[in-house]
Each structure stands twice: as structure tokens, then as C-alpha cells.
């Protein structure tokens, strides 16, 4: 794909992501909470990978790897986050953040939901998922050792993320309610798994020229999780 075609594809995905979030925001006015947003986040990434697969003319093996790996990662996440307990926990978190921000800015509930949660979630899902978008736009080169290494890393990350989520469920402690734990990320295997998945997907994408520019996706995710880990880890 040419540079203009690639830019148009990215713009299409961003527009679809924001339009989807705006539509969900309009519907959410009839619902009590917005905890379902945590499940929408991974599903949107699969949607953007699927749209890219249809539009882009890249290597079919790389396209298949990127789409199926992100789908296998996202499906169990969405199912877990749609559970009643997970939605209730997320509703409490969104309500607390929304009240803190809206009180200082004078926003009503609808405006707070749209500008603080729905549209930013769509934009950040687009940013994080850049590897599964830009990795599909070039036909050459074929998937090489770096790409297959990335696939193995992503599969390992999916397993680690699943183990970490099951561990959290067994402890029956929603993450935001967890006490600070010394050690940061090593005590959160689900987050370590997510990072492994997205850096693995980046390795698959990075064998192509456009795919190398997608590093800002996993880099953003890493920095965001590092910030959260620092908040959850007590000072020495």
C-alpha cells in the first residue's frame, strides 16, 4: 500500500473506533453503568485488525497471524470483563473517576462519559493496536525468524495473561481494590502477559517498514502499565 493508502486506512479505523464509541455512549444514557467498556476495549482491537485484513494487501501469513493472535487474546478478556462482578467493579471505578473530574469542571454526567471515557478509550484502542494495523499493509517480506519469535512471545503472553486472570479470580480481589504489593509487575502476571502479547505482535509487524512505526502502540501500553505499577507499589 502507498503512504496515502496507509494513512487512509488508519484514518478509517480511527473514525470507526470513535463512531462506535459515540454510538455506545448514546445508548449508555439508558443504562445504569458503563462497566461494559472494559470488554469493548479488546474487542475494538480485533475489529480494527479485521477491517485492516479486508482493506490491506499485505502478506496473508502475517495478516492471519496478527488477526488470529489478537482475537485469541481478546475473546477471553471480553468474556471475563462482561461478568456481573467485573462490570460492577468497573462501574465503581468509572464513577469515582468521573465524579472527581466532573466536579472540578462542571460537566454533566453525559458529557463526562463521552469526553472522559468513551472517546479516549476508542482513540487509545486505536493507538495500542497499531501493530495489527500497520503490520498488514506490506506484502514483503515474508514472515521471518523475528515474526515467528513474536508469535511465540504472543502465545506465551496469552497463556500468562490467562493464568494471571485466573489467579486474580481465585483471590477474589478486583485489581483496583488490591493493596499495594512490593514487586510491581512480577506480582501481576496478567499485565506481564498483556505486554508480552503486544510486543510479540509488534515483532511480527516490525519485519515490514510500516510495521516498525507501530512501536508507539506497545510502548504506550508499557508506559501506562509502568505508571500504574508505580502507583500500586509502596515507596521503599
Protein backbone atom coordinates (compact mmCIF):
# COMPACT_ATOMS: atom_id res chain seq x y z
CA UNK A 1 0.00 0.00 0.00
CA UNK A 2 1.14 3.55 -0.68
CA UNK A 3 1.68 6.05 2.12
CA UNK A 4 -1.59 7.78 1.25
CA UNK A 5 -3.49 4.48 1.28
CA UNK A 6 -1.97 3.54 4.62
CA UNK A 7 -2.91 6.91 6.10
CA UNK A 8 -6.44 6.49 4.77
CA UNK A 9 -6.66 3.04 6.36
CA UNK A 10 -5.52 4.35 9.72
CA UNK A 11 -7.98 7.22 9.44
CA UNK A 12 -10.77 4.78 8.60
CA UNK A 13 -10.02 2.64 11.65
CA UNK A 14 -9.81 5.67 13.93
CA UNK A 15 -13.07 7.04 12.56
CA UNK A 16 -14.82 3.69 13.03
CA UNK A 17 -13.45 3.40 16.57
CA UNK A 18 -14.67 6.85 17.56
CA UNK A 19 -18.02 6.38 15.84
CA UNK A 20 -18.52 3.08 17.65
CA UNK A 21 -17.74 4.70 20.97
CA UNK A 22 -20.04 7.63 20.23
CA UNK A 23 -22.83 5.17 19.42
CA UNK A 24 -22.26 3.22 22.62
CA UNK A 25 -22.22 6.49 24.55
CA UNK A 26 -25.61 7.43 23.11
CA UNK A 27 -27.01 4.04 24.09
CA UNK A 28 -25.44 4.17 27.55
CA UNK A 29 -27.75 7.03 28.56
CA UNK A 30 -30.41 4.34 29.10
CA UNK A 31 -28.14 2.09 31.16
CA UNK A 32 -27.09 2.35 34.78
CA UNK A 33 -23.36 1.81 34.32
CA UNK A 34 -20.63 1.74 31.72
CA UNK A 35 -18.58 -1.15 33.07
CA UNK A 36 -19.02 -2.89 29.72
CA UNK A 37 -16.35 -0.54 28.32
CA UNK A 38 -13.63 -2.77 29.74
CA UNK A 39 -14.88 -5.55 27.46
CA UNK A 40 -15.27 -3.26 24.44
CA UNK A 41 -11.57 -2.24 24.60
CA UNK A 42 -10.08 -5.59 23.42
CA UNK A 43 -12.93 -6.27 21.01
CA UNK A 44 -12.32 -2.96 19.25
CA UNK A 45 -8.73 -4.03 18.61
CA UNK A 46 -9.97 -7.21 16.94
CA UNK A 47 -12.39 -5.13 14.88
CA UNK A 48 -9.62 -2.85 13.62
CA UNK A 49 -7.44 -5.85 12.78
CA UNK A 50 -10.35 -7.38 10.85
CA UNK A 51 -11.08 -4.18 8.91
CA UNK A 52 -7.39 -3.92 8.06
CA UNK A 53 -7.30 -7.52 6.83
CA UNK A 54 -10.11 -6.75 4.39
CA UNK A 55 -8.65 -3.47 3.13
CA UNK A 56 -4.89 -4.10 3.16
CA UNK A 57 -2.99 -6.20 0.65
CA UNK A 58 -0.12 -7.41 2.84
CA UNK A 59 1.40 -10.86 3.26
CA UNK A 60 -1.50 -13.26 4.01
CA UNK A 61 0.51 -15.28 6.54
CA UNK A 62 1.41 -12.17 8.54
CA UNK A 63 -2.16 -10.88 8.28
CA UNK A 64 -3.51 -14.17 9.56
CA UNK A 65 -1.06 -14.28 12.46
CA UNK A 66 -1.88 -10.75 13.57
CA UNK A 67 -5.65 -11.18 13.32
CA UNK A 68 -5.91 -14.58 14.97
CA UNK A 69 -3.47 -13.86 17.77
CA UNK A 70 -5.21 -10.63 18.75
CA UNK A 71 -8.60 -12.39 18.54
CA UNK A 72 -7.44 -15.26 20.77
CA UNK A 73 -6.09 -12.70 23.24
CA UNK A 74 -9.22 -10.53 23.21
CA UNK A 75 -12.04 -13.09 23.38
CA UNK A 76 -11.44 -14.43 26.92
CA UNK A 77 -10.68 -10.92 28.17
CA UNK A 78 -14.03 -9.65 26.91
CA UNK A 79 -15.90 -12.60 28.41
CA UNK A 80 -14.29 -12.11 31.82
CA UNK A 81 -14.96 -8.39 31.80
CA UNK A 82 -18.62 -8.86 30.91
CA UNK A 83 -19.21 -10.92 34.05
CA UNK A 84 -21.52 -9.13 36.52
CA UNK A 85 -18.86 -8.82 39.23
CA UNK A 86 -16.32 -7.38 36.78
CA UNK A 87 -18.84 -4.88 35.40
CA UNK A 88 -19.83 -3.80 38.91
CA UNK A 89 -16.18 -3.25 39.86
CA UNK A 90 -15.57 -1.27 36.65
CA UNK A 91 -18.71 0.83 37.23
CA UNK A 92 -17.39 1.80 40.64
CA UNK A 93 -14.02 2.80 39.20
CA UNK A 94 -15.56 4.85 36.38
CA UNK A 95 -17.99 6.53 38.78
CA UNK A 96 -15.19 7.54 41.16
CA UNK A 97 -13.01 8.98 38.39
CA UNK A 98 -15.95 10.69 36.72
CA UNK A 99 -17.10 12.34 39.94
CA UNK A 100 -13.62 13.67 40.65
CA UNK A 101 -13.21 15.18 37.19
CA UNK A 102 -16.76 16.38 36.60
CA UNK A 103 -16.88 18.15 39.95
CA UNK A 104 -13.92 20.31 39.06
CA UNK A 105 -15.02 21.12 35.52
CA UNK A 106 -18.75 21.44 35.93
CA UNK A 107 -19.55 18.70 33.39
CA UNK A 108 -22.82 16.82 33.46
CA UNK A 109 -22.86 13.02 33.52
CA UNK A 110 -23.34 12.61 29.77
CA UNK A 111 -20.51 14.93 28.81
CA UNK A 112 -18.23 13.28 31.36
CA UNK A 113 -18.89 9.84 29.93
CA UNK A 114 -18.28 10.95 26.35
CA UNK A 115 -15.16 13.09 26.83
CA UNK A 116 -13.52 11.24 29.69
CA UNK A 117 -14.26 7.60 28.92
CA UNK A 118 -15.83 6.72 25.57
CA UNK A 119 -13.85 8.79 23.06
CA UNK A 120 -10.48 8.40 24.82
CA UNK A 121 -11.00 4.63 25.03
CA UNK A 122 -11.59 4.50 21.30
CA UNK A 123 -8.52 6.59 20.50
CA UNK A 124 -6.26 4.61 22.85
CA UNK A 125 -7.51 1.28 21.49
CA UNK A 126 -6.55 2.55 18.02
CA UNK A 127 -3.11 3.61 19.25
CA UNK A 128 -2.37 0.39 21.13
CA UNK A 129 -3.48 -1.77 18.21
CA UNK A 130 -1.21 -0.12 15.63
CA UNK A 131 0.88 -3.33 15.25
CA UNK A 132 -2.14 -5.28 13.99
CA UNK A 133 -2.94 -2.45 11.58
CA UNK A 134 0.42 -1.36 10.16
CA UNK A 135 1.74 -4.91 10.18
CA UNK A 136 -0.75 -5.90 7.47
CA UNK A 137 -0.12 -3.26 4.82
CA UNK A 138 3.06 -4.59 3.13
CA UNK A 139 3.24 -7.83 1.15
CA UNK A 140 7.03 -8.17 1.56
CA UNK A 141 9.00 -9.52 3.25
CA UNK A 142 7.54 -12.88 4.20
CA UNK A 143 7.34 -13.75 7.88
CA UNK A 144 10.87 -14.49 9.11
CA UNK A 145 12.55 -15.50 12.34
CA UNK A 146 11.65 -12.24 14.10
CA UNK A 147 7.98 -12.64 13.18
CA UNK A 148 7.81 -16.25 14.35
CA UNK A 149 9.62 -15.27 17.55
CA UNK A 150 6.98 -12.61 18.06
CA UNK A 151 4.24 -15.19 17.50
CA UNK A 152 5.75 -17.45 20.17
CA UNK A 153 6.05 -14.48 22.55
CA UNK A 154 2.42 -13.54 21.92
CA UNK A 155 1.20 -17.10 22.56
CA UNK A 156 3.21 -17.21 25.78
CA UNK A 157 1.72 -13.86 26.76
CA UNK A 158 -1.81 -15.12 26.14
CA UNK A 159 -1.12 -18.05 28.44
CA UNK A 160 0.44 -15.85 31.11
CA UNK A 161 -2.40 -13.34 30.93
CA UNK A 162 -4.95 -16.13 31.32
CA UNK A 163 -3.08 -17.57 34.29
CA UNK A 164 -2.87 -14.16 35.94
CA UNK A 165 -6.58 -13.50 35.44
CA UNK A 166 -7.50 -16.90 36.91
CA UNK A 167 -5.20 -16.17 39.85
CA UNK A 168 -6.97 -12.86 40.48
CA UNK A 169 -10.35 -14.56 40.28
CA UNK A 170 -9.21 -17.20 42.77
CA UNK A 171 -8.07 -14.49 45.17
CA UNK A 172 -11.42 -12.73 44.61
CA UNK A 173 -9.75 -9.33 44.66
CA UNK A 174 -10.60 -6.93 41.82
CA UNK A 175 -7.40 -5.23 40.75
CA UNK A 176 -8.21 -1.62 41.74
CA UNK A 177 -9.02 -2.85 45.27
CA UNK A 178 -5.75 -4.75 45.64
CA UNK A 179 -3.41 -3.45 48.32
CA UNK A 180 -0.06 -2.11 47.07
CA UNK A 181 2.34 -5.01 46.62
CA UNK A 182 6.10 -4.71 46.63
CA UNK A 183 7.50 -6.08 43.41
CA UNK A 184 5.17 -4.31 40.97
CA UNK A 185 4.73 -6.15 37.66
CA UNK A 186 6.04 -9.56 38.78
CA UNK A 187 3.05 -9.72 41.09
CA UNK A 188 0.71 -9.04 38.14
CA UNK A 189 1.24 -11.87 35.63
CA UNK A 190 -1.85 -10.81 33.68
CA UNK A 191 -0.26 -7.43 32.95
CA UNK A 192 3.05 -9.05 32.09
CA UNK A 193 1.11 -11.30 29.71
CA UNK A 194 -0.57 -8.35 28.02
CA UNK A 195 2.81 -6.72 27.44
CA UNK A 196 4.23 -9.95 26.02
CA UNK A 197 1.27 -10.22 23.62
CA UNK A 198 1.63 -6.70 22.26
CA UNK A 199 5.40 -6.72 21.99
CA UNK A 200 5.10 -10.07 20.25
CA UNK A 201 2.58 -8.64 17.79
CA UNK A 202 4.94 -5.73 17.22
CA UNK A 203 7.78 -8.13 16.35
CA UNK A 204 5.53 -9.73 13.72
CA UNK A 205 4.65 -6.31 12.31
CA UNK A 206 8.18 -4.86 12.56
CA UNK A 207 9.56 -7.06 9.79
CA UNK A 208 7.82 -4.64 7.44
CA UNK A 209 8.71 -0.97 7.01
CA UNK A 210 5.31 0.44 8.08
CA UNK A 211 5.13 -2.06 10.92
CA UNK A 212 8.21 -0.57 12.59
CA UNK A 213 6.31 2.68 13.12
CA UNK A 214 3.75 0.79 15.21
CA UNK A 215 6.21 0.66 18.14
CA UNK A 216 4.32 3.56 19.72
CA UNK A 217 1.42 1.16 20.42
CA UNK A 218 3.18 -1.32 22.73
CA UNK A 219 5.37 1.49 24.04
CA UNK A 220 2.29 3.41 25.18
CA UNK A 221 0.92 0.26 26.84
CA UNK A 222 4.23 -0.34 28.61
CA UNK A 223 4.45 3.22 29.92
CA UNK A 224 0.82 3.17 31.05
CA UNK A 225 1.31 -0.08 32.96
CA UNK A 226 4.60 1.18 34.42
CA UNK A 227 2.78 4.25 35.71
CA UNK A 228 0.04 2.10 37.22
CA UNK A 229 2.59 -0.27 38.79
CA UNK A 230 4.35 2.66 40.43
CA UNK A 231 1.05 3.83 41.88
CA UNK A 232 0.36 0.36 43.28
CA UNK A 233 3.83 -0.22 44.72
CA UNK A 234 4.66 1.40 48.07
CA UNK A 235 7.75 3.53 48.38
CA UNK A 236 10.73 1.81 49.95
